[in-house]
C-alpha atoms as a PDB file:
ATOM      1  CA  MET A   1     134.076 116.861  84.238  1.00  0.00           C
ATOM      2  CA  VAL A   2     130.804 116.959  86.303  1.00  0.00           C
ATOM      3  CA  ASN A   3     131.203 113.307  87.332  1.00  0.00           C
ATOM      4  CA  SER A   4     134.817 113.896  88.529  1.00  0.00           C
ATOM      5  CA  ILE A   5     133.706 116.888  90.645  1.00  0.00           C
ATOM      6  CA  PHE A   6     130.864 114.883  92.153  1.00  0.00           C
ATOM      7  CA  PHE A   7     133.328 112.010  92.890  1.00  0.00           C
ATOM      8  CA  LYS A   8     135.801 114.398  94.409  1.00  0.00           C
ATOM      9  CA  HIS A   9     133.128 115.924  96.561  1.00  0.00           C
ATOM     10  CA  GLY A  10     132.008 112.379  97.679  1.00  0.00           C
ATOM     11  CA  CYS A  11     135.642 111.604  98.735  1.00  0.00           C
ATOM     12  CA  THR A  12     136.002 114.824 100.645  1.00  0.00           C
ATOM     13  CA  ALA A  13     132.687 114.588 102.391  1.00  0.00           C
ATOM     14  CA  LEU A  14     133.455 110.921 103.394  1.00  0.00           C
ATOM     15  CA  LEU A  15     136.885 111.830 104.929  1.00  0.00           C
ATOM     16  CA  THR A  16     135.198 114.722 106.892  1.00  0.00           C
ATOM     17  CA  GLY A  17     132.436 112.387 107.916  1.00  0.00           C
ATOM     18  CA  SER A  18     129.633 114.442 106.683  1.00  0.00           C
ATOM     19  CA  THR A  19     126.219 112.988 105.964  1.00  0.00           C
ATOM     20  CA  SER A  20     126.238 113.933 102.283  1.00  0.00           C
ATOM     21  CA  GLY A  21     129.504 112.003 101.860  1.00  0.00           C
ATOM     22  CA  LEU A  22     128.139 108.896 103.620  1.00  0.00           C
ATOM     23  CA  LEU A  23     124.925 109.010 101.561  1.00  0.00           C
ATOM     24  CA  PHE A  24     127.018 109.470  98.366  1.00  0.00           C
ATOM     25  CA  TRP A  25     128.896 106.286  99.003  1.00  0.00           C
ATOM     26  CA  ARG A  26     125.791 104.358 100.066  1.00  0.00           C
ATOM     27  CA  LEU A  27     124.002 105.261  96.790  1.00  0.00           C
ATOM     28  CA  LEU A  28     127.113 104.358  94.770  1.00  0.00           C
ATOM     29  CA  ALA A  29     127.273 100.976  96.505  1.00  0.00           C
ATOM     30  CA  GLU A  30     123.521 100.309  95.772  1.00  0.00           C
ATOM     31  CA  GLN A  31     124.145 100.985  92.113  1.00  0.00           C
ATOM     32  CA  LEU A  32     127.141  98.605  92.177  1.00  0.00           C
ATOM     33  CA  VAL A  33     125.158  95.920  93.911  1.00  0.00           C
ATOM     34  CA  ASP A  34     122.316  96.135  91.226  1.00  0.00           C
ATOM     35  CA  CYS A  35     125.001  95.821  88.339  1.00  0.00           C
ATOM     36  CA  LEU A  36     126.675  92.763  90.126  1.00  0.00           C
ATOM     37  CA  ASN A  37     123.357  91.189  90.651  1.00  0.00           C
ATOM     38  CA  LEU A  38     122.426  91.467  86.949  1.00  0.00           C
ATOM     39  CA  ILE A  39     125.652  90.059  85.891  1.00  0.00           C
ATOM     40  CA  GLY A  40     125.633  87.255  88.413  1.00  0.00           C
ATOM     41  CA  GLN A  41     122.113  86.059  87.611  1.00  0.00           C
ATOM     42  CA  SER A  42     122.884  86.142  83.855  1.00  0.00           C
ATOM     43  CA  MET A  43     125.954  83.971  84.113  1.00  0.00           C
ATOM     44  CA  SER A  44     126.088  80.399  85.425  1.00  0.00           C
ATOM     45  CA  SER A  45     129.821  80.270  85.503  1.00  0.00           C
ATOM     46  CA  SER A  46     132.145  80.921  88.449  1.00  0.00           C
ATOM     47  CA  ILE A  47     132.322  84.649  87.332  1.00  0.00           C
ATOM     48  CA  GLY A  48     128.571  84.729  87.949  1.00  0.00           C
ATOM     49  CA  TRP A  49     128.847  83.333  91.357  1.00  0.00           C
ATOM     50  CA  PHE A  50     131.705  85.620  92.185  1.00  0.00           C
ATOM     51  CA  CYS A  51     129.630  88.609  91.233  1.00  0.00           C
ATOM     52  CA  LEU A  52     126.747  87.507  93.456  1.00  0.00           C
ATOM     53  CA  ALA A  53     129.214  87.008  96.306  1.00  0.00           C
ATOM     54  CA  CYS A  54     130.628  90.517  95.897  1.00  0.00           C
ATOM     55  CA  SER A  55     127.102  91.918  95.651  1.00  0.00           C
ATOM     56  CA  SER A  56     126.247  90.424  98.999  1.00  0.00           C
ATOM     57  CA  VAL A  57     129.366  91.721 100.682  1.00  0.00           C
ATOM     58  CA  ILE A  58     129.028  95.220  99.203  1.00  0.00           C
ATOM     59  CA  GLY A  59     125.360  95.237 100.159  1.00  0.00           C
ATOM     60  CA  TRP A  60     126.110  94.342 103.738  1.00  0.00           C
ATOM     61  CA  LEU A  61     128.910  96.971 104.054  1.00  0.00           C
ATOM     62  CA  SER A  62     126.590  99.689 102.644  1.00  0.00           C
ATOM     63  CA  GLN A  63     124.170  98.769 105.444  1.00  0.00           C
ATOM     64  CA  GLN A  64     126.752  99.481 108.083  1.00  0.00           C
ATOM     65  CA  VAL A  65     127.330 103.200 107.063  1.00  0.00           C
ATOM     66  CA  PRO A  66     126.182 105.318 109.915  1.00  0.00           C
ATOM     67  CA  GLY A  67     124.397 108.663 109.678  1.00  0.00           C
ATOM     68  CA  SER A  68     121.347 107.513 107.828  1.00  0.00           C
ATOM     69  CA  LYS A  69     117.935 106.338 109.115  1.00  0.00           C
ATOM     70  CA  MET A  70     117.298 104.687 105.838  1.00  0.00           C
ATOM     71  CA  ALA A  71     119.796 102.056 106.398  1.00  0.00           C
ATOM     72  CA  ASN A  72     117.275  99.163 107.103  1.00  0.00           C
ATOM     73  CA  LEU A  73     115.213 100.120 104.007  1.00  0.00           C
ATOM     74  CA  ARG A  74     117.715 100.665 101.240  1.00  0.00           C
ATOM     75  CA  SER A  75     117.295  97.144  99.837  1.00  0.00           C
ATOM     76  CA  LEU A  76     114.525  94.728  99.266  1.00  0.00           C
ATOM     77  CA  LYS A  77     116.904  91.816 100.186  1.00  0.00           C
ATOM     78  CA  GLY A  78     115.645  89.736 102.886  1.00  0.00           C
ATOM     79  CA  LEU A  79     112.074  91.185 102.923  1.00  0.00           C
ATOM     80  CA  VAL A  80     108.872  89.198 102.343  1.00  0.00           C
ATOM     81  CA  GLY A  81     106.052  90.346 100.181  1.00  0.00           C
ATOM     82  CA  ILE A  82     102.541  89.457  99.404  1.00  0.00           C
ATOM     83  CA  VAL A  83     101.315  90.460  95.922  1.00  0.00           C
ATOM     84  CA  THR A  84      97.561  90.119  95.150  1.00  0.00           C
ATOM     85  CA  GLY A  85      96.869  89.546  91.466  1.00  0.00           C
ATOM     86  CA  GLY A  86     100.527  88.395  91.393  1.00  0.00           C
ATOM     87  CA  ALA A  87     100.015  85.833  88.571  1.00  0.00           C
ATOM     88  CA  SER A  88      99.981  88.291  85.717  1.00  0.00           C
ATOM     89  CA  GLY A  89     100.415  91.896  84.612  1.00  0.00           C
ATOM     90  CA  LEU A  90     101.494  94.502  87.065  1.00  0.00           C
ATOM     91  CA  GLY A  91     101.415  91.903  89.837  1.00  0.00           C
ATOM     92  CA  ARG A  92     103.601  89.467  88.074  1.00  0.00           C
ATOM     93  CA  ALA A  93     106.149  92.043  87.155  1.00  0.00           C
ATOM     94  CA  THR A  94     106.236  93.082  90.884  1.00  0.00           C
ATOM     95  CA  VAL A  95     106.674  89.488  92.107  1.00  0.00           C
ATOM     96  CA  GLU A  96     109.534  89.086  89.557  1.00  0.00           C
ATOM     97  CA  ARG A  97     111.284  92.128  90.725  1.00  0.00           C
ATOM     98  CA  LEU A  98     110.935  91.314  94.337  1.00  0.00           C
ATOM     99  CA  VAL A  99     112.569  87.897  93.895  1.00  0.00           C
ATOM    100  CA  ARG A 100     115.342  89.360  91.515  1.00  0.00           C
ATOM    101  CA  GLN A 101     116.151  91.948  94.213  1.00  0.00           C
ATOM    102  CA  GLY A 102     116.602  89.261  96.932  1.00  0.00           C
ATOM    103  CA  ALA A 103     113.145  89.334  98.546  1.00  0.00           C
ATOM    104  CA  SER A 104     110.719  86.479  98.892  1.00  0.00           C
ATOM    105  CA  ALA A 105     107.164  86.681  97.556  1.00  0.00           C
ATOM    106  CA  VAL A 106     103.899  84.995  97.795  1.00  0.00           C
ATOM    107  CA  ILE A 107     101.650  85.187  94.799  1.00  0.00           C
ATOM    108  CA  VAL A 108      97.948  85.710  95.791  1.00  0.00           C
ATOM    109  CA  ASP A 109      95.646  85.012  92.884  1.00  0.00           C
ATOM    110  CA  LEU A 110      92.667  82.892  91.846  1.00  0.00           C
ATOM    111  CA  PRO A 111      93.011  79.098  91.614  1.00  0.00           C
ATOM    112  CA  LYS A 112      92.505  79.124  87.916  1.00  0.00           C
ATOM    113  CA  SER A 113      95.375  81.583  87.339  1.00  0.00           C
ATOM    114  CA  GLU A 114      98.938  80.823  86.437  1.00  0.00           C
ATOM    115  CA  GLY A 115     100.145  81.527  89.824  1.00  0.00           C
ATOM    116  CA  SER A 116     101.480  78.037  90.497  1.00  0.00           C
ATOM    117  CA  SER A 117     103.587  77.923  87.382  1.00  0.00           C
ATOM    118  CA  VAL A 118     104.864  81.372  87.889  1.00  0.00           C
ATOM    119  CA  ALA A 119     105.852  80.618  91.472  1.00  0.00           C
ATOM    120  CA  GLN A 120     107.721  77.424  90.265  1.00  0.00           C
ATOM    121  CA  SER A 121     109.564  79.415  87.544  1.00  0.00           C
ATOM    122  CA  LEU A 122     110.991  81.744  90.215  1.00  0.00           C
ATOM    123  CA  GLY A 123     112.307  79.046  92.651  1.00  0.00           C
ATOM    124  CA  ASP A 124     112.380  78.747  96.305  1.00  0.00           C
ATOM    125  CA  LYS A 125     111.873  82.399  96.992  1.00  0.00           C
ATOM    126  CA  CYS A 126     108.292  82.344  95.678  1.00  0.00           C
ATOM    127  CA  ALA A 127     105.125  80.572  96.653  1.00  0.00           C
ATOM    128  CA  PHE A 128     101.569  80.504  95.341  1.00  0.00           C
ATOM    129  CA  ALA A 129      98.458  80.897  97.468  1.00  0.00           C
ATOM    130  CA  PRO A 130      95.214  80.295  95.548  1.00  0.00           C
ATOM    131  CA  THR A 131      92.983  83.076  96.867  1.00  0.00           C
ATOM    132  CA  ASP A 132      89.811  85.002  96.382  1.00  0.00           C
ATOM    133  CA  VAL A 133      90.746  88.388  97.815  1.00  0.00           C
ATOM    134  CA  THR A 134      87.300  89.034  98.974  1.00  0.00           C
ATOM    135  CA  SER A 135      87.476  85.950 101.269  1.00  0.00           C
ATOM    136  CA  GLU A 136      88.685  86.508 104.800  1.00  0.00           C
ATOM    137  CA  ALA A 137      89.623  82.850 105.100  1.00  0.00           C
ATOM    138  CA  ASP A 138      91.543  82.717 101.882  1.00  0.00           C
ATOM    139  CA  VAL A 139      93.654  85.867 102.632  1.00  0.00           C
ATOM    140  CA  LYS A 140      94.373  84.441 106.079  1.00  0.00           C
ATOM    141  CA  ASN A 141      95.661  81.291 104.623  1.00  0.00           C
ATOM    142  CA  ALA A 142      97.956  83.232 102.187  1.00  0.00           C
ATOM    143  CA  LEU A 143      99.365  85.200 105.076  1.00  0.00           C
ATOM    144  CA  GLN A 144      99.811  81.940 107.037  1.00  0.00           C
ATOM    145  CA  LEU A 145     101.781  80.538 104.018  1.00  0.00           C
ATOM    146  CA  ALA A 146     104.043  83.505 104.072  1.00  0.00           C
ATOM    147  CA  GLN A 147     104.673  83.135 107.749  1.00  0.00           C
ATOM    148  CA  SER A 148     105.249  79.412 107.645  1.00  0.00           C
ATOM    149  CA  LYS A 149     107.482  79.477 104.545  1.00  0.00           C
ATOM    150  CA  PHE A 150     109.419  82.747 104.890  1.00  0.00           C
ATOM    151  CA  GLY A 151     108.822  83.806 108.579  1.00  0.00           C
ATOM    152  CA  ARG A 152     107.307  87.207 108.206  1.00  0.00           C
ATOM    153  CA  VAL A 153     105.303  89.734 106.219  1.00  0.00           C
ATOM    154  CA  ASP A 154     106.906  93.069 105.272  1.00  0.00           C
ATOM    155  CA  ILE A 155     105.211  94.192 102.180  1.00  0.00           C
ATOM    156  CA  LEU A 156     101.654  94.076 100.702  1.00  0.00           C
ATOM    157  CA  VAL A 157     101.091  94.991  97.108  1.00  0.00           C
ATOM    158  CA  ASN A 158      97.522  94.991  96.063  1.00  0.00           C
ATOM    159  CA  CYS A 159      97.165  94.471  92.288  1.00  0.00           C
ATOM    160  CA  ALA A 160      94.027  92.215  92.118  1.00  0.00           C
ATOM    161  CA  GLY A 161      91.186  94.010  90.324  1.00  0.00           C
ATOM    162  CA  ILE A 162      88.416  93.633  87.732  1.00  0.00           C
ATOM    163  CA  ALA A 163      86.549  95.890  85.281  1.00  0.00           C
ATOM    164  CA  VAL A 164      83.356  96.309  83.433  1.00  0.00           C
ATOM    165  CA  ALA A 165      82.400  98.688  80.608  1.00  0.00           C
ATOM    166  CA  PHE A 166      78.916  99.863  80.531  1.00  0.00           C
ATOM    167  CA  LYS A 167      77.010 103.158  80.552  1.00  0.00           C
ATOM    168  CA  THR A 168      74.903 104.228  83.471  1.00  0.00           C
ATOM    169  CA  TYR A 169      71.956 103.964  81.047  1.00  0.00           C
ATOM    170  CA  ASN A 170      72.114 102.864  77.485  1.00  0.00           C
ATOM    171  CA  ALA A 171      69.340 104.834  75.784  1.00  0.00           C
ATOM    172  CA  ASN A 172      69.607 102.896  72.554  1.00  0.00           C
ATOM    173  CA  LYS A 173      68.852  99.513  74.348  1.00  0.00           C
ATOM    174  CA  GLN A 174      66.825 101.262  77.034  1.00  0.00           C
ATOM    175  CA  LEU A 175      69.005  99.263  79.460  1.00  0.00           C
ATOM    176  CA  PRO A 176      70.367 100.477  82.774  1.00  0.00           C
ATOM    177  CA  HIS A 177      73.699  99.459  84.196  1.00  0.00           C
ATOM    178  CA  SER A 178      73.589  96.118  85.937  1.00  0.00           C
ATOM    179  CA  LEU A 179      73.548  96.646  89.679  1.00  0.00           C
ATOM    180  CA  GLU A 180      75.096  93.215  90.262  1.00  0.00           C
ATOM    181  CA  ASP A 181      78.050  94.245  88.013  1.00  0.00           C
ATOM    182  CA  PHE A 182      78.445  97.487  89.879  1.00  0.00           C
ATOM    183  CA  HIS A 183      78.537  95.529  93.192  1.00  0.00           C
ATOM    184  CA  ARG A 184      80.997  92.934  91.912  1.00  0.00           C
ATOM    185  CA  VAL A 185      83.598  95.470  90.717  1.00  0.00           C
ATOM    186  CA  VAL A 186      83.260  97.470  93.939  1.00  0.00           C
ATOM    187  CA  ASN A 187      83.460  94.254  96.083  1.00  0.00           C
ATOM    188  CA  VAL A 188      86.689  92.980  94.435  1.00  0.00           C
ATOM    189  CA  ASN A 189      88.456  96.250  93.893  1.00  0.00           C
ATOM    190  CA  ILE A 190      87.636  98.121  97.084  1.00  0.00           C
ATOM    191  CA  CYS A 191      86.524  95.346  99.585  1.00  0.00           C
ATOM    192  CA  GLY A 192      89.158  92.909  98.306  1.00  0.00           C
ATOM    193  CA  THR A 193      91.933  95.639  98.719  1.00  0.00           C
ATOM    194  CA  PHE A 194      90.673  96.614 102.213  1.00  0.00           C
ATOM    195  CA  ASN A 195      90.375  92.832 103.137  1.00  0.00           C
ATOM    196  CA  ALA A 196      94.070  92.245 102.255  1.00  0.00           C
ATOM    197  CA  ILE A 197      95.101  95.411 103.978  1.00  0.00           C
ATOM    198  CA  ARG A 198      93.425  94.862 107.339  1.00  0.00           C
ATOM    199  CA  LEU A 199      94.632  91.312 107.657  1.00  0.00           C
ATOM    200  CA  ALA A 200      98.198  91.945 106.452  1.00  0.00           C
ATOM    201  CA  ALA A 201      98.583  94.823 108.864  1.00  0.00           C
ATOM    202  CA  GLY A 202      98.132  92.452 111.791  1.00  0.00           C
ATOM    203  CA  GLU A 203     101.034  90.276 110.424  1.00  0.00           C
ATOM    204  CA  MET A 204     103.213  93.344 109.961  1.00  0.00           C
ATOM    205  CA  ALA A 205     102.489  94.499 113.515  1.00  0.00           C
ATOM    206  CA  LYS A 206     104.387  91.421 114.788  1.00  0.00           C
ATOM    207  CA  ASN A 207     107.613  92.571 113.106  1.00  0.00           C
ATOM    208  CA  GLU A 208     110.334  94.277 115.296  1.00  0.00           C
ATOM    209  CA  PRO A 209     110.483  97.914 114.330  1.00  0.00           C
ATOM    210  CA  ASN A 210     113.668  99.319 112.922  1.00  0.00           C
ATOM    211  CA  GLU A 211     115.292 102.590 114.401  1.00  0.00           C
ATOM    212  CA  ASP A 212     112.688 104.617 112.536  1.00  0.00           C
ATOM    213  CA  GLY A 213     109.748 102.597 114.049  1.00  0.00           C
ATOM    214  CA  HIS A 214     109.047 101.050 110.689  1.00  0.00           C
ATOM    215  CA  ARG A 215     107.417  97.639 110.550  1.00  0.00           C
ATOM    216  CA  GLY A 216     105.953  97.293 107.039  1.00  0.00           C
ATOM    217  CA  VAL A 217     104.653  98.972 103.816  1.00  0.00           C
ATOM    218  CA  ILE A 218     101.399  98.549 101.854  1.00  0.00           C
ATOM    219  CA  VAL A 219     101.121  99.570  98.112  1.00  0.00           C
ATOM    220  CA  ASN A 220      97.614  99.711  96.532  1.00  0.00           C
ATOM    221  CA  THR A 221      96.730  99.948  92.868  1.00  0.00           C
ATOM    222  CA  ALA A 222      94.167 102.533  91.707  1.00  0.00           C
ATOM    223  CA  SER A 223      94.134 103.935  88.269  1.00  0.00           C
ATOM    224  CA  VAL A 224      94.046 107.222  86.407  1.00  0.00           C
ATOM    225  CA  ALA A 225      90.353 106.266  85.951  1.00  0.00           C
ATOM    226  CA  ALA A 226      89.883 107.504  89.576  1.00  0.00           C
ATOM    227  CA  PHE A 227      90.509 110.976  88.188  1.00  0.00           C
ATOM    228  CA  ASP A 228      89.694 110.806  84.621  1.00  0.00           C
ATOM    229  CA  GLY A 229      86.837 108.296  84.335  1.00  0.00           C
ATOM    230  CA  GLN A 230      85.653 107.753  80.775  1.00  0.00           C
ATOM    231  CA  VAL A 231      82.271 106.828  79.337  1.00  0.00           C
ATOM    232  CA  GLY A 232      81.244 103.329  80.571  1.00  0.00           C
ATOM    233  CA  GLN A 233      83.684 103.481  83.598  1.00  0.00           C
ATOM    234  CA  ALA A 234      81.159 104.460  86.381  1.00  0.00           C
ATOM    235  CA  ALA A 235      81.794 101.081  88.270  1.00  0.00           C
ATOM    236  CA  TYR A 236      85.518 100.938  87.662  1.00  0.00           C
ATOM    237  CA  SER A 237      86.169 104.568  88.414  1.00  0.00           C
ATOM    238  CA  ALA A 238      84.120 104.379  91.577  1.00  0.00           C
ATOM    239  CA  SER A 239      86.046 101.431  92.709  1.00  0.00           C
ATOM    240  CA  LYS A 240      89.459 103.016  91.978  1.00  0.00           C
ATOM    241  CA  GLY A 241      88.317 106.349  93.439  1.00  0.00           C
ATOM    242  CA  GLY A 242      87.513 104.467  96.722  1.00  0.00           C
ATOM    243  CA  ILE A 243      91.097 103.110  96.857  1.00  0.00           C
ATOM    244  CA  VAL A 244      92.393 106.672  96.393  1.00  0.00           C
ATOM    245  CA  GLY A 245      90.108 107.913  99.083  1.00  0.00           C
ATOM    246  CA  MET A 246      91.102 105.326 101.654  1.00  0.00           C
ATOM    247  CA  THR A 247      94.836 105.746 101.219  1.00  0.00           C
ATOM    248  CA  LEU A 248      95.325 108.653 103.634  1.00  0.00           C
ATOM    249  CA  PRO A 249      92.978 107.593 106.412  1.00  0.00           C
ATOM    250  CA  ILE A 250      94.433 104.053 106.415  1.00  0.00           C
ATOM    251  CA  ALA A 251      97.944 105.476 106.487  1.00  0.00           C
ATOM    252  CA  ARG A 252      96.924 107.539 109.520  1.00  0.00           C
ATOM    253  CA  ASP A 253      95.309 104.444 111.155  1.00  0.00           C
ATOM    254  CA  LEU A 254      98.493 102.332 110.792  1.00  0.00           C
ATOM    255  CA  ALA A 255     101.045 105.055 111.423  1.00  0.00           C
ATOM    256  CA  PRO A 256     101.115 104.310 115.209  1.00  0.00           C
ATOM    257  CA  ILE A 257     102.322 100.748 114.524  1.00  0.00           C
ATOM    258  CA  GLY A 258     104.801 101.680 111.917  1.00  0.00           C
ATOM    259  CA  ILE A 259     103.086 100.657 108.724  1.00  0.00           C
ATOM    260  CA  ARG A 260     103.149 102.984 105.678  1.00  0.00           C
ATOM    261  CA  VAL A 261     100.396 103.039 102.957  1.00  0.00           C
ATOM    262  CA  MET A 262     100.711 104.291  99.471  1.00  0.00           C
ATOM    263  CA  THR A 263      98.719 104.037  96.222  1.00  0.00           C
ATOM    264  CA  ILE A 264      99.963 103.936  92.638  1.00  0.00           C
ATOM    265  CA  ALA A 265      97.471 105.118  89.814  1.00  0.00           C
ATOM    266  CA  PRO A 266      98.767 103.590  86.688  1.00  0.00           C
ATOM    267  CA  GLY A 267      97.876 104.991  83.287  1.00  0.00           C
ATOM    268  CA  LEU A 268      97.852 102.692  80.111  1.00  0.00           C
ATOM    269  CA  PHE A 269      99.987  99.617  80.607  1.00  0.00           C
ATOM    270  CA  ALA A 270     100.860  96.632  78.413  1.00  0.00           C
ATOM    271  CA  THR A 271      98.927  94.227  80.603  1.00  0.00           C
ATOM    272  CA  PRO A 272      97.168  91.094  79.315  1.00  0.00           C
ATOM    273  CA  LEU A 273      93.921  93.133  79.209  1.00  0.00           C
ATOM    274  CA  LEU A 274      95.422  95.424  76.584  1.00  0.00           C
ATOM    275  CA  ALA A 275      97.376  92.850  74.926  1.00  0.00           C
ATOM    276  CA  GLY A 276      94.120  91.185  73.778  1.00  0.00           C
ATOM    277  CA  LEU A 277      93.223  94.376  71.741  1.00  0.00           C
ATOM    278  CA  PRO A 278      93.896  94.790  68.104  1.00  0.00           C
ATOM    279  CA  GLU A 279      97.262  96.338  67.198  1.00  0.00           C
ATOM    280  CA  LYS A 280      95.641  99.449  65.753  1.00  0.00           C
ATOM    281  CA  VAL A 281      93.722 100.041  69.065  1.00  0.00           C
ATOM    282  CA  ARG A 282      96.944  99.639  71.127  1.00  0.00           C
ATOM    283  CA  SER A 283      98.885 101.914  68.903  1.00  0.00           C
ATOM    284  CA  PHE A 284      96.051 104.568  69.065  1.00  0.00           C
ATOM    285  CA  LEU A 285      96.069 104.331  72.944  1.00  0.00           C
ATOM    286  CA  ALA A 286      99.805 104.689  73.060  1.00  0.00           C
ATOM    287  CA  LYS A 287      99.652 107.877  71.094  1.00  0.00           C
ATOM    288  CA  GLN A 288      97.332 109.349  73.794  1.00  0.00           C
ATOM    289  CA  VAL A 289     100.300 109.428  76.216  1.00  0.00           C
ATOM    290  CA  PRO A 290     102.203 112.759  75.961  1.00  0.00           C
ATOM    291  CA  PHE A 291     105.621 111.366  76.829  1.00  0.00           C
ATOM    292  CA  PRO A 292     106.902 108.786  76.501  1.00  0.00           C
ATOM    293  CA  SER A 293     104.155 108.068  73.880  1.00  0.00           C
ATOM    294  CA  ARG A 294     103.800 104.400  74.496  1.00  0.00           C
ATOM    295  CA  LEU A 295     102.134 101.912  76.841  1.00  0.00           C
ATOM    296  CA  GLY A 296     103.762 101.485  80.269  1.00  0.00           C
ATOM    297  CA  ASP A 297     105.838  98.367  80.915  1.00  0.00           C
ATOM    298  CA  PRO A 298     104.662  96.458  84.012  1.00  0.00           C
ATOM    299  CA  ALA A 299     108.436  96.443  84.921  1.00  0.00           C
ATOM    300  CA  GLU A 300     108.031 100.183  85.396  1.00  0.00           C
ATOM    301  CA  TYR A 301     105.257  99.790  87.821  1.00  0.00           C
ATOM    302  CA  ALA A 302     107.271  97.230  89.741  1.00  0.00           C
ATOM    303  CA  HIS A 303     110.166  99.690  89.824  1.00  0.00           C
ATOM    304  CA  LEU A 304     107.987 102.238  91.473  1.00  0.00           C
ATOM    305  CA  VAL A 305     106.829  99.674  94.112  1.00  0.00           C
ATOM    306  CA  GLN A 306     110.540  99.083  94.968  1.00  0.00           C
ATOM    307  CA  ALA A 307     111.022 102.851  95.200  1.00  0.00           C
ATOM    308  CA  ILE A 308     108.128 103.193  97.594  1.00  0.00           C
ATOM    309  CA  VAL A 309     109.366 100.253  99.892  1.00  0.00           C
ATOM    310  CA  GLU A 310     112.883 101.682  99.919  1.00  0.00           C
ATOM    311  CA  ASN A 311     111.951 105.355 100.717  1.00  0.00           C
ATOM    312  CA  PRO A 312     110.548 105.543 104.282  1.00  0.00           C
ATOM    313  CA  LEU A 313     109.164 109.093 103.974  1.00  0.00           C
ATOM    314  CA  LEU A 314     106.607 108.082 101.310  1.00  0.00           C
ATOM    315  CA  ASN A 315     103.339 107.623 103.065  1.00  0.00           C
ATOM    316  CA  GLY A 316      99.615 108.449 102.583  1.00  0.00           C
ATOM    317  CA  GLU A 317     100.021 109.594  99.051  1.00  0.00           C
ATOM    318  CA  VAL A 318      98.780 108.598  95.550  1.00  0.00           C
ATOM    319  CA  ILE A 319     101.358 108.609  92.731  1.00  0.00           C
ATOM    320  CA  ARG A 320     100.157 108.858  89.146  1.00  0.00           C
ATOM    321  CA  LEU A 321     102.326 106.580  86.816  1.00  0.00           C
ATOM    322  CA  ASP A 322     101.065 107.740  83.469  1.00  0.00           C
ATOM    323  CA  GLY A 323     103.472 109.623  81.310  1.00  0.00           C
ATOM    324  CA  ALA A 324     101.342 112.943  81.857  1.00  0.00           C
ATOM    325  CA  LEU A 325      98.227 111.142  80.355  1.00  0.00           C
ATOM    326  CA  ARG A 326      94.844 112.788  80.967  1.00  0.00           C
ATOM    327  CA  MET A 327      92.041 110.455  79.540  1.00  0.00           C
ATOM    328  CA  MET A 328      89.499 111.877  77.179  1.00  0.00           C
ATOM    329  CA  PRO A 329      85.895 111.414  77.971  1.00  0.00           C
END
């Protein structure tokens, strides 16, 4: 009953030319495109090709609907993304989603990572750039690869990061936290993130702005540890807190050139780091999440990245993705 009323309202609004009606049909078209893409990619027969063709046509038609400034950002299709830490975990899930939704992606990760094999598995829409995110030369090379292979840079997703677990002072061992370890975590997590941002912004600034003045979007990865740091997380919490703290000022810095900046603060996710823990430990951690009481799926992080890219009003904010989790000390 509710669906029929909603559909009837959509038809009436479309006939009258109202904004709500136009938006209703655009959203409906987007859902249909997603369904056709999934069917088309799962079938190698002529039916699969037909579904992909229909998806492209419907997607194009939906972009022609007037009355919405979101027209140029309603789909990832045709965009080019750089993903640091893209060879595993949250980064890999993001790369896979970008490619699946019709975007191109450059995996930026260490030379010893699985970046090359992941890129090969995703086809021509993906490339791998062996990179240390703290190196200016390496990040410039990754951006140059994106420009030479795909022609532009629209999206930067910063997922690269490291962690150590050590108390500020271990009284039993009479041992202070290693200053070298603290420096290393802050250097990779904060400086590496900022290095990628400052250089990627220069490439995005070359893009022609859309009618909203939009040229690109940057998504950083913090952590709930930025807010609920636990025992032994001084270095990690400081580094993630730094990412949270620089989100708004960088968004303000880049606003005049049409680049948005957002940060996601994930809770407990089923990443390779947690996958190495015993099952009992993982089960215990999952039960700490109020609802849903489970570890997050990296695909859910990637889904939020897509939502941020597609929604032009999201800017200068941190989104917790944690199932209402508040970490115990």
